[in-house]
PDB file of all heavy atoms in Angstrom:
ATOM      1  N   LEU A   1      -0.663  -3.109  11.309  1.00  0.00           N
ATOM      2  CA  LEU A   1      -1.724  -2.430  12.054  1.00  0.00           C
ATOM      3  C   LEU A   1      -2.702  -1.725  11.128  1.00  0.00           C
ATOM      4  O   LEU A   1      -3.895  -1.621  11.428  1.00  0.00           O
ATOM      5  CB  LEU A   1      -1.104  -1.425  13.028  1.00  0.00           C
ATOM      6  CG  LEU A   1      -0.437  -2.013  14.276  1.00  0.00           C
ATOM      7  CD1 LEU A   1       0.175  -0.901  15.119  1.00  0.00           C
ATOM      8  CD2 LEU A   1      -1.438  -2.821  15.096  1.00  0.00           C
ATOM      9  N   LYS A   2      -2.219  -1.225   9.988  1.00  0.00           N
ATOM     10  CA  LYS A   2      -3.094  -0.505   9.065  1.00  0.00           C
ATOM     11  C   LYS A   2      -4.101  -1.416   8.373  1.00  0.00           C
ATOM     12  O   LYS A   2      -5.033  -0.925   7.738  1.00  0.00           O
ATOM     13  CB  LYS A   2      -2.259   0.251   8.030  1.00  0.00           C
ATOM     14  CG  LYS A   2      -1.519   1.451   8.608  1.00  0.00           C
ATOM     15  CD  LYS A   2      -0.822   2.249   7.530  1.00  0.00           C
ATOM     16  CE  LYS A   2      -0.142   3.471   8.123  1.00  0.00           C
ATOM     17  NZ  LYS A   2       0.550   4.277   7.088  1.00  0.00           N
ATOM     18  N   LEU A   3      -3.918  -2.716   8.483  1.00  0.00           N
ATOM     19  CA  LEU A   3      -4.921  -3.656   7.978  1.00  0.00           C
ATOM     20  C   LEU A   3      -5.848  -4.127   9.075  1.00  0.00           C
ATOM     21  O   LEU A   3      -6.834  -4.825   8.803  1.00  0.00           O
ATOM     22  CB  LEU A   3      -4.246  -4.863   7.323  1.00  0.00           C
ATOM     23  CG  LEU A   3      -3.461  -4.616   6.038  1.00  0.00           C
ATOM     24  CD1 LEU A   3      -2.961  -5.934   5.458  1.00  0.00           C
ATOM     25  CD2 LEU A   3      -4.288  -3.861   5.018  1.00  0.00           C
ATOM     26  N   VAL A   4      -5.547  -3.741  10.314  1.00  0.00           N
ATOM     27  CA  VAL A   4      -6.327  -4.194  11.466  1.00  0.00           C
ATOM     28  C   VAL A   4      -7.170  -3.066  12.046  1.00  0.00           C
ATOM     29  O   VAL A   4      -8.344  -3.257  12.377  1.00  0.00           O
ATOM     30  CB  VAL A   4      -5.393  -4.780  12.550  1.00  0.00           C
ATOM     31  CG1 VAL A   4      -6.185  -5.139  13.797  1.00  0.00           C
ATOM     32  CG2 VAL A   4      -4.644  -5.993  12.009  1.00  0.00           C
ATOM     33  N   GLU A   5      -6.593  -1.878  12.156  1.00  0.00           N
ATOM     34  CA  GLU A   5      -7.273  -0.753  12.793  1.00  0.00           C
ATOM     35  C   GLU A   5      -8.164  -0.015  11.794  1.00  0.00           C
ATOM     36  O   GLU A   5      -7.767   0.229  10.650  1.00  0.00           O
ATOM     37  CB  GLU A   5      -6.250   0.211  13.387  1.00  0.00           C
ATOM     38  CG  GLU A   5      -5.416  -0.404  14.502  1.00  0.00           C
ATOM     39  CD  GLU A   5      -4.409   0.581  15.050  1.00  0.00           C
ATOM     40  OE1 GLU A   5      -4.218   1.659  14.423  1.00  0.00           O
ATOM     41  OE2 GLU A   5      -3.801   0.280  16.097  1.00  0.00           O
ATOM     42  N   GLU A   6      -9.352   0.364  12.224  1.00  0.00           N
ATOM     43  CA  GLU A   6     -10.317   1.037  11.360  1.00  0.00           C
ATOM     44  C   GLU A   6      -9.778   2.362  10.837  1.00  0.00           C
ATOM     45  O   GLU A   6      -9.134   3.120  11.559  1.00  0.00           O
ATOM     46  CB  GLU A   6     -11.629   1.278  12.112  1.00  0.00           C
ATOM     47  CG  GLU A   6     -12.409   0.014  12.420  1.00  0.00           C
ATOM     48  CD  GLU A   6     -13.758   0.309  13.045  1.00  0.00           C
ATOM     49  OE1 GLU A   6     -14.022   1.494  13.345  1.00  0.00           O
ATOM     50  OE2 GLU A   6     -14.546  -0.635  13.228  1.00  0.00           O
ATOM     51  N   TYR A   7     -10.050   2.626   9.560  1.00  0.00           N
ATOM     52  CA  TYR A   7      -9.699   3.869   8.876  1.00  0.00           C
ATOM     53  C   TYR A   7      -8.206   4.194   8.974  1.00  0.00           C
ATOM     54  O   TYR A   7      -7.811   5.357   8.983  1.00  0.00           O
ATOM     55  CB  TYR A   7     -10.545   5.032   9.405  1.00  0.00           C
ATOM     56  CG  TYR A   7     -12.002   4.892   9.018  1.00  0.00           C
ATOM     57  CD1 TYR A   7     -12.913   4.303   9.893  1.00  0.00           C
ATOM     58  CD2 TYR A   7     -12.457   5.302   7.769  1.00  0.00           C
ATOM     59  CE1 TYR A   7     -14.249   4.132   9.530  1.00  0.00           C
ATOM     60  CE2 TYR A   7     -13.783   5.141   7.400  1.00  0.00           C
ATOM     61  CZ  TYR A   7     -14.672   4.556   8.281  1.00  0.00           C
ATOM     62  OH  TYR A   7     -15.992   4.386   7.912  1.00  0.00           O
ATOM     63  N   SER A   8      -7.377   3.158   9.014  1.00  0.00           N
ATOM     64  CA  SER A   8      -5.930   3.355   9.020  1.00  0.00           C
ATOM     65  C   SER A   8      -5.342   3.330   7.618  1.00  0.00           C
ATOM     66  O   SER A   8      -4.253   3.842   7.390  1.00  0.00           O
ATOM     67  CB  SER A   8      -5.248   2.275   9.869  1.00  0.00           C
ATOM     68  OG  SER A   8      -5.633   2.365  11.218  1.00  0.00           O
ATOM     69  N   LEU A   9      -6.064   2.725   6.682  1.00  0.00           N
ATOM     70  CA  LEU A   9      -5.596   2.622   5.301  1.00  0.00           C
ATOM     71  C   LEU A   9      -6.298   3.699   4.477  1.00  0.00           C
ATOM     72  O   LEU A   9      -7.516   3.697   4.352  1.00  0.00           O
ATOM     73  CB  LEU A   9      -5.908   1.236   4.743  1.00  0.00           C
ATOM     74  CG  LEU A   9      -5.260   0.852   3.410  1.00  0.00           C
ATOM     75  CD1 LEU A   9      -3.750   0.800   3.541  1.00  0.00           C
ATOM     76  CD2 LEU A   9      -5.806  -0.486   2.921  1.00  0.00           C
ATOM     77  N   SER A  10      -5.539   4.630   3.931  1.00  0.00           N
ATOM     78  CA  SER A  10      -6.138   5.769   3.237  1.00  0.00           C
ATOM     79  C   SER A  10      -6.262   5.525   1.737  1.00  0.00           C
ATOM     80  O   SER A  10      -5.498   4.745   1.148  1.00  0.00           O
ATOM     81  CB  SER A  10      -5.307   7.038   3.470  1.00  0.00           C
ATOM     82  OG  SER A  10      -4.074   6.957   2.774  1.00  0.00           O
ATOM     83  N   THR A  11      -7.204   6.217   1.121  1.00  0.00           N
ATOM     84  CA  THR A  11      -7.352   6.147  -0.329  1.00  0.00           C
ATOM     85  C   THR A  11      -6.140   6.742  -1.019  1.00  0.00           C
ATOM     86  O   THR A  11      -5.731   6.269  -2.095  1.00  0.00           O
ATOM     87  CB  THR A  11      -8.635   6.881  -0.763  1.00  0.00           C
ATOM     88  OG1 THR A  11      -9.751   6.334  -0.049  1.00  0.00           O
ATOM     89  CG2 THR A  11      -8.886   6.722  -2.253  1.00  0.00           C
ATOM     90  N   ASP A  12      -5.548   7.780  -0.441  1.00  0.00           N
ATOM     91  CA  ASP A  12      -4.324   8.359  -1.006  1.00  0.00           C
ATOM     92  C   ASP A  12      -3.227   7.309  -1.109  1.00  0.00           C
ATOM     93  O   ASP A  12      -2.510   7.233  -2.114  1.00  0.00           O
ATOM     94  CB  ASP A  12      -3.837   9.525  -0.138  1.00  0.00           C
ATOM     95  CG  ASP A  12      -4.673  10.772  -0.313  1.00  0.00           C
ATOM     96  OD1 ASP A  12      -5.433  10.828  -1.300  1.00  0.00           O
ATOM     97  OD2 ASP A  12      -4.573  11.681   0.518  1.00  0.00           O
ATOM     98  N   TYR A  13      -3.069   6.503  -0.066  1.00  0.00           N
ATOM     99  CA  TYR A  13      -2.041   5.464  -0.072  1.00  0.00           C
ATOM    100  C   TYR A  13      -2.310   4.441  -1.177  1.00  0.00           C
ATOM    101  O   TYR A  13      -1.393   4.026  -1.895  1.00  0.00           O
ATOM    102  CB  TYR A  13      -1.991   4.767   1.288  1.00  0.00           C
ATOM    103  CG  TYR A  13      -0.918   3.708   1.390  1.00  0.00           C
ATOM    104  CD1 TYR A  13       0.395   4.049   1.664  1.00  0.00           C
ATOM    105  CD2 TYR A  13      -1.234   2.366   1.188  1.00  0.00           C
ATOM    106  CE1 TYR A  13       1.387   3.073   1.742  1.00  0.00           C
ATOM    107  CE2 TYR A  13      -0.257   1.385   1.265  1.00  0.00           C
ATOM    108  CZ  TYR A  13       1.055   1.749   1.546  1.00  0.00           C
ATOM    109  OH  TYR A  13       2.027   0.778   1.608  1.00  0.00           O
ATOM    110  N   LEU A  14      -3.554   4.047  -1.318  1.00  0.00           N
ATOM    111  CA  LEU A  14      -3.897   3.100  -2.379  1.00  0.00           C
ATOM    112  C   LEU A  14      -3.561   3.671  -3.743  1.00  0.00           C
ATOM    113  O   LEU A  14      -3.046   2.974  -4.625  1.00  0.00           O
ATOM    114  CB  LEU A  14      -5.385   2.755  -2.312  1.00  0.00           C
ATOM    115  CG  LEU A  14      -5.879   2.028  -1.062  1.00  0.00           C
ATOM    116  CD1 LEU A  14      -7.388   1.838  -1.130  1.00  0.00           C
ATOM    117  CD2 LEU A  14      -5.178   0.686  -0.883  1.00  0.00           C
ATOM    118  N   SER A  15      -3.863   4.964  -3.931  1.00  0.00           N
ATOM    119  CA  SER A  15      -3.618   5.608  -5.215  1.00  0.00           C
ATOM    120  C   SER A  15      -2.132   5.724  -5.521  1.00  0.00           C
ATOM    121  O   SER A  15      -1.690   5.433  -6.635  1.00  0.00           O
ATOM    122  CB  SER A  15      -4.268   6.998  -5.221  1.00  0.00           C
ATOM    123  OG  SER A  15      -3.952   7.704  -6.402  1.00  0.00           O
ATOM    124  N   LEU A  16      -1.361   6.159  -4.536  1.00  0.00           N
ATOM    125  CA  LEU A  16       0.058   6.450  -4.760  1.00  0.00           C
ATOM    126  C   LEU A  16       0.944   5.215  -4.747  1.00  0.00           C
ATOM    127  O   LEU A  16       1.987   5.188  -5.401  1.00  0.00           O
ATOM    128  CB  LEU A  16       0.552   7.444  -3.703  1.00  0.00           C
ATOM    129  CG  LEU A  16      -0.090   8.832  -3.739  1.00  0.00           C
ATOM    130  CD1 LEU A  16       0.346   9.656  -2.537  1.00  0.00           C
ATOM    131  CD2 LEU A  16       0.271   9.558  -5.034  1.00  0.00           C
ATOM    132  N   VAL A  17       0.546   4.183  -4.001  1.00  0.00           N
ATOM    133  CA  VAL A  17       1.415   3.016  -3.829  1.00  0.00           C
ATOM    134  C   VAL A  17       0.811   1.760  -4.452  1.00  0.00           C
ATOM    135  O   VAL A  17       1.376   1.159  -5.369  1.00  0.00           O
ATOM    136  CB  VAL A  17       1.717   2.775  -2.331  1.00  0.00           C
ATOM    137  CG1 VAL A  17       2.587   1.531  -2.161  1.00  0.00           C
ATOM    138  CG2 VAL A  17       2.407   3.993  -1.721  1.00  0.00           C
ATOM    139  N   VAL A  18      -0.361   1.360  -3.968  1.00  0.00           N
ATOM    140  CA  VAL A  18      -0.911   0.060  -4.354  1.00  0.00           C
ATOM    141  C   VAL A  18      -1.347   0.034  -5.816  1.00  0.00           C
ATOM    142  O   VAL A  18      -1.140  -0.960  -6.520  1.00  0.00           O
ATOM    143  CB  VAL A  18      -2.085  -0.319  -3.433  1.00  0.00           C
ATOM    144  CG1 VAL A  18      -2.701  -1.648  -3.855  1.00  0.00           C
ATOM    145  CG2 VAL A  18      -1.620  -0.392  -1.986  1.00  0.00           C
ATOM    146  N   ALA A  19      -1.957   1.121  -6.293  1.00  0.00           N
ATOM    147  CA  ALA A  19      -2.476   1.140  -7.665  1.00  0.00           C
ATOM    148  C   ALA A  19      -1.426   1.562  -8.682  1.00  0.00           C
ATOM    149  O   ALA A  19      -1.748   1.745  -9.855  1.00  0.00           O
ATOM    150  CB  ALA A  19      -3.680   2.076  -7.747  1.00  0.00           C
ATOM    151  N   SER A  20      -0.193   1.735  -8.259  1.00  0.00           N
ATOM    152  CA  SER A  20       0.868   2.145  -9.177  1.00  0.00           C
ATOM    153  C   SER A  20       1.219   1.000 -10.113  1.00  0.00           C
ATOM    154  O   SER A  20       0.731  -0.121  -9.982  1.00  0.00           O
ATOM    155  CB  SER A  20       2.107   2.580  -8.393  1.00  0.00           C
ATOM    156  OG  SER A  20       2.658   1.469  -7.703  1.00  0.00           O
ATOM    157  N   SER A  21       2.100   1.289 -11.057  1.00  0.00           N
ATOM    158  CA  SER A  21       2.460   0.286 -12.068  1.00  0.00           C
ATOM    159  C   SER A  21       3.662  -0.562 -11.654  1.00  0.00           C
ATOM    160  O   SER A  21       4.325  -1.169 -12.481  1.00  0.00           O
ATOM    161  CB  SER A  21       2.775   0.990 -13.400  1.00  0.00           C
ATOM    162  OG  SER A  21       3.823   1.940 -13.229  1.00  0.00           O
ATOM    163  N   LEU A  22       3.976  -0.599 -10.357  1.00  0.00           N
ATOM    164  CA  LEU A  22       5.091  -1.409  -9.886  1.00  0.00           C
ATOM    165  C   LEU A  22       4.827  -2.888 -10.121  1.00  0.00           C
ATOM    166  O   LEU A  22       3.683  -3.346 -10.104  1.00  0.00           O
ATOM    167  CB  LEU A  22       5.315  -1.171  -8.388  1.00  0.00           C
ATOM    168  CG  LEU A  22       5.660   0.256  -7.933  1.00  0.00           C
ATOM    169  CD1 LEU A  22       5.689   0.312  -6.414  1.00  0.00           C
ATOM    170  CD2 LEU A  22       6.983   0.702  -8.511  1.00  0.00           C
ATOM    171  N   SER A  23       5.890  -3.656 -10.310  1.00  0.00           N
ATOM    172  CA  SER A  23       5.746  -5.103 -10.382  1.00  0.00           C
ATOM    173  C   SER A  23       5.370  -5.627  -9.001  1.00  0.00           C
ATOM    174  O   SER A  23       5.495  -4.919  -7.986  1.00  0.00           O
ATOM    175  CB  SER A  23       7.069  -5.743 -10.835  1.00  0.00           C
ATOM    176  OG  SER A  23       8.079  -5.527  -9.849  1.00  0.00           O
ATOM    177  N   ASP A  24       4.902  -6.855  -8.947  1.00  0.00           N
ATOM    178  CA  ASP A  24       4.528  -7.441  -7.656  1.00  0.00           C
ATOM    179  C   ASP A  24       5.722  -7.467  -6.695  1.00  0.00           C
ATOM    180  O   ASP A  24       5.561  -7.231  -5.493  1.00  0.00           O
ATOM    181  CB  ASP A  24       4.000  -8.861  -7.857  1.00  0.00           C
ATOM    182  CG  ASP A  24       2.675  -8.891  -8.600  1.00  0.00           C
ATOM    183  OD1 ASP A  24       1.987  -7.853  -8.607  1.00  0.00           O
ATOM    184  OD2 ASP A  24       2.345  -9.938  -9.177  1.00  0.00           O
ATOM    185  N   GLU A  25       6.902  -7.738  -7.226  1.00  0.00           N
ATOM    186  CA  GLU A  25       8.100  -7.789  -6.383  1.00  0.00           C
ATOM    187  C   GLU A  25       8.421  -6.411  -5.807  1.00  0.00           C
ATOM    188  O   GLU A  25       8.719  -6.270  -4.613  1.00  0.00           O
ATOM    189  CB  GLU A  25       9.298  -8.318  -7.184  1.00  0.00           C
ATOM    190  CG  GLU A  25       9.224  -9.795  -7.538  1.00  0.00           C
ATOM    191  CD  GLU A  25       8.228 -10.078  -8.663  1.00  0.00           C
ATOM    192  OE1 GLU A  25       7.810  -9.112  -9.346  1.00  0.00           O
ATOM    193  OE2 GLU A  25       7.863 -11.268  -8.842  1.00  0.00           O
ATOM    194  N   ARG A  26       8.380  -5.386  -6.647  1.00  0.00           N
ATOM    195  CA  ARG A  26       8.681  -4.027  -6.181  1.00  0.00           C
ATOM    196  C   ARG A  26       7.596  -3.521  -5.240  1.00  0.00           C
ATOM    197  O   ARG A  26       7.874  -2.803  -4.284  1.00  0.00           O
ATOM    198  CB  ARG A  26       8.850  -3.084  -7.363  1.00  0.00           C
ATOM    199  CG  ARG A  26      10.101  -3.334  -8.186  1.00  0.00           C
ATOM    200  CD  ARG A  26      10.233  -2.319  -9.294  1.00  0.00           C
ATOM    201  NE  ARG A  26      10.323  -0.961  -8.766  1.00  0.00           N
ATOM    202  CZ  ARG A  26      10.239   0.136  -9.516  1.00  0.00           C
ATOM    203  NH1 ARG A  26      10.032   0.036 -10.819  1.00  0.00           N
ATOM    204  NH2 ARG A  26      10.337   1.326  -8.964  1.00  0.00           N
ATOM    205  N   LEU A  27       6.338  -3.882  -5.531  1.00  0.00           N
ATOM    206  CA  LEU A  27       5.256  -3.474  -4.641  1.00  0.00           C
ATOM    207  C   LEU A  27       5.425  -4.130  -3.272  1.00  0.00           C
ATOM    208  O   LEU A  27       5.218  -3.490  -2.235  1.00  0.00           O
ATOM    209  CB  LEU A  27       3.900  -3.847  -5.236  1.00  0.00           C
ATOM    210  CG  LEU A  27       2.676  -3.529  -4.371  1.00  0.00           C
ATOM    211  CD1 LEU A  27       2.620  -2.042  -4.018  1.00  0.00           C
ATOM    212  CD2 LEU A  27       1.386  -3.949  -5.074  1.00  0.00           C
ATOM    213  N   ALA A  28       5.818  -5.404  -3.243  1.00  0.00           N
ATOM    214  CA  ALA A  28       6.047  -6.092  -1.966  1.00  0.00           C
ATOM    215  C   ALA A  28       7.138  -5.381  -1.172  1.00  0.00           C
ATOM    216  O   ALA A  28       7.029  -5.223   0.054  1.00  0.00           O
ATOM    217  CB  ALA A  28       6.426  -7.548  -2.216  1.00  0.00           C
ATOM    218  N   SER A  29       8.182  -4.947  -1.868  1.00  0.00           N
ATOM    219  CA  SER A  29       9.268  -4.222  -1.206  1.00  0.00           C
ATOM    220  C   SER A  29       8.774  -2.896  -0.637  1.00  0.00           C
ATOM    221  O   SER A  29       9.119  -2.513   0.487  1.00  0.00           O
ATOM    222  CB  SER A  29      10.405  -3.985  -2.195  1.00  0.00           C
ATOM    223  OG  SER A  29      11.437  -3.210  -1.610  1.00  0.00           O
ATOM    224  N   GLU A  30       7.944  -2.185  -1.414  1.00  0.00           N
ATOM    225  CA  GLU A  30       7.407  -0.899  -0.955  1.00  0.00           C
ATOM    226  C   GLU A  30       6.452  -1.096   0.216  1.00  0.00           C
ATOM    227  O   GLU A  30       6.466  -0.320   1.184  1.00  0.00           O
ATOM    228  CB  GLU A  30       6.693  -0.205  -2.117  1.00  0.00           C
ATOM    229  CG  GLU A  30       6.170   1.184  -1.799  1.00  0.00           C
ATOM    230  CD  GLU A  30       7.268   2.178  -1.480  1.00  0.00           C
ATOM    231  OE1 GLU A  30       8.395   1.996  -1.972  1.00  0.00           O
ATOM    232  OE2 GLU A  30       6.993   3.138  -0.729  1.00  0.00           O
ATOM    233  N   LEU A  31       5.627  -2.115   0.165  1.00  0.00           N
ATOM    234  CA  LEU A  31       4.705  -2.394   1.263  1.00  0.00           C
ATOM    235  C   LEU A  31       5.463  -2.756   2.539  1.00  0.00           C
ATOM    236  O   LEU A  31       5.036  -2.406   3.647  1.00  0.00           O
ATOM    237  CB  LEU A  31       3.760  -3.533   0.886  1.00  0.00           C
ATOM    238  CG  LEU A  31       2.729  -3.240  -0.217  1.00  0.00           C
ATOM    239  CD1 LEU A  31       2.021  -4.513  -0.645  1.00  0.00           C
ATOM    240  CD2 LEU A  31       1.722  -2.197   0.241  1.00  0.00           C
ATOM    241  N   SER A  32       6.589  -3.433   2.398  1.00  0.00           N
ATOM    242  CA  SER A  32       7.392  -3.802   3.569  1.00  0.00           C
ATOM    243  C   SER A  32       7.946  -2.583   4.286  1.00  0.00           C
ATOM    244  O   SER A  32       8.204  -2.620   5.491  1.00  0.00           O
ATOM    245  CB  SER A  32       8.548  -4.715   3.137  1.00  0.00           C
ATOM    246  OG  SER A  32       8.059  -5.923   2.581  1.00  0.00           O
ATOM    247  N   LYS A  33       8.092  -1.471   3.531  1.00  0.00           N
ATOM    248  CA  LYS A  33       8.614  -0.238   4.126  1.00  0.00           C
ATOM    249  C   LYS A  33       7.499   0.642   4.678  1.00  0.00           C
ATOM    250  O   LYS A  33       7.670   1.312   5.693  1.00  0.00           O
ATOM    251  CB  LYS A  33       9.398   0.558   3.074  1.00  0.00           C
ATOM    252  CG  LYS A  33      10.592  -0.166   2.492  1.00  0.00           C
ATOM    253  CD  LYS A  33      11.197   0.646   1.354  1.00  0.00           C
ATOM    254  CE  LYS A  33      12.314  -0.107   0.654  1.00  0.00           C
ATOM    255  NZ  LYS A  33      12.843   0.656  -0.512  1.00  0.00           N
TER     256      LYS A  33
END
């Protein structure tokens, strides 16, 4: 839903999760949660 609904994806989330140094596998696991 956060990829569908407007302003559901925050810059804080991108900074703390997506832009982190996790591997693609670990990032996929974190995104699934």
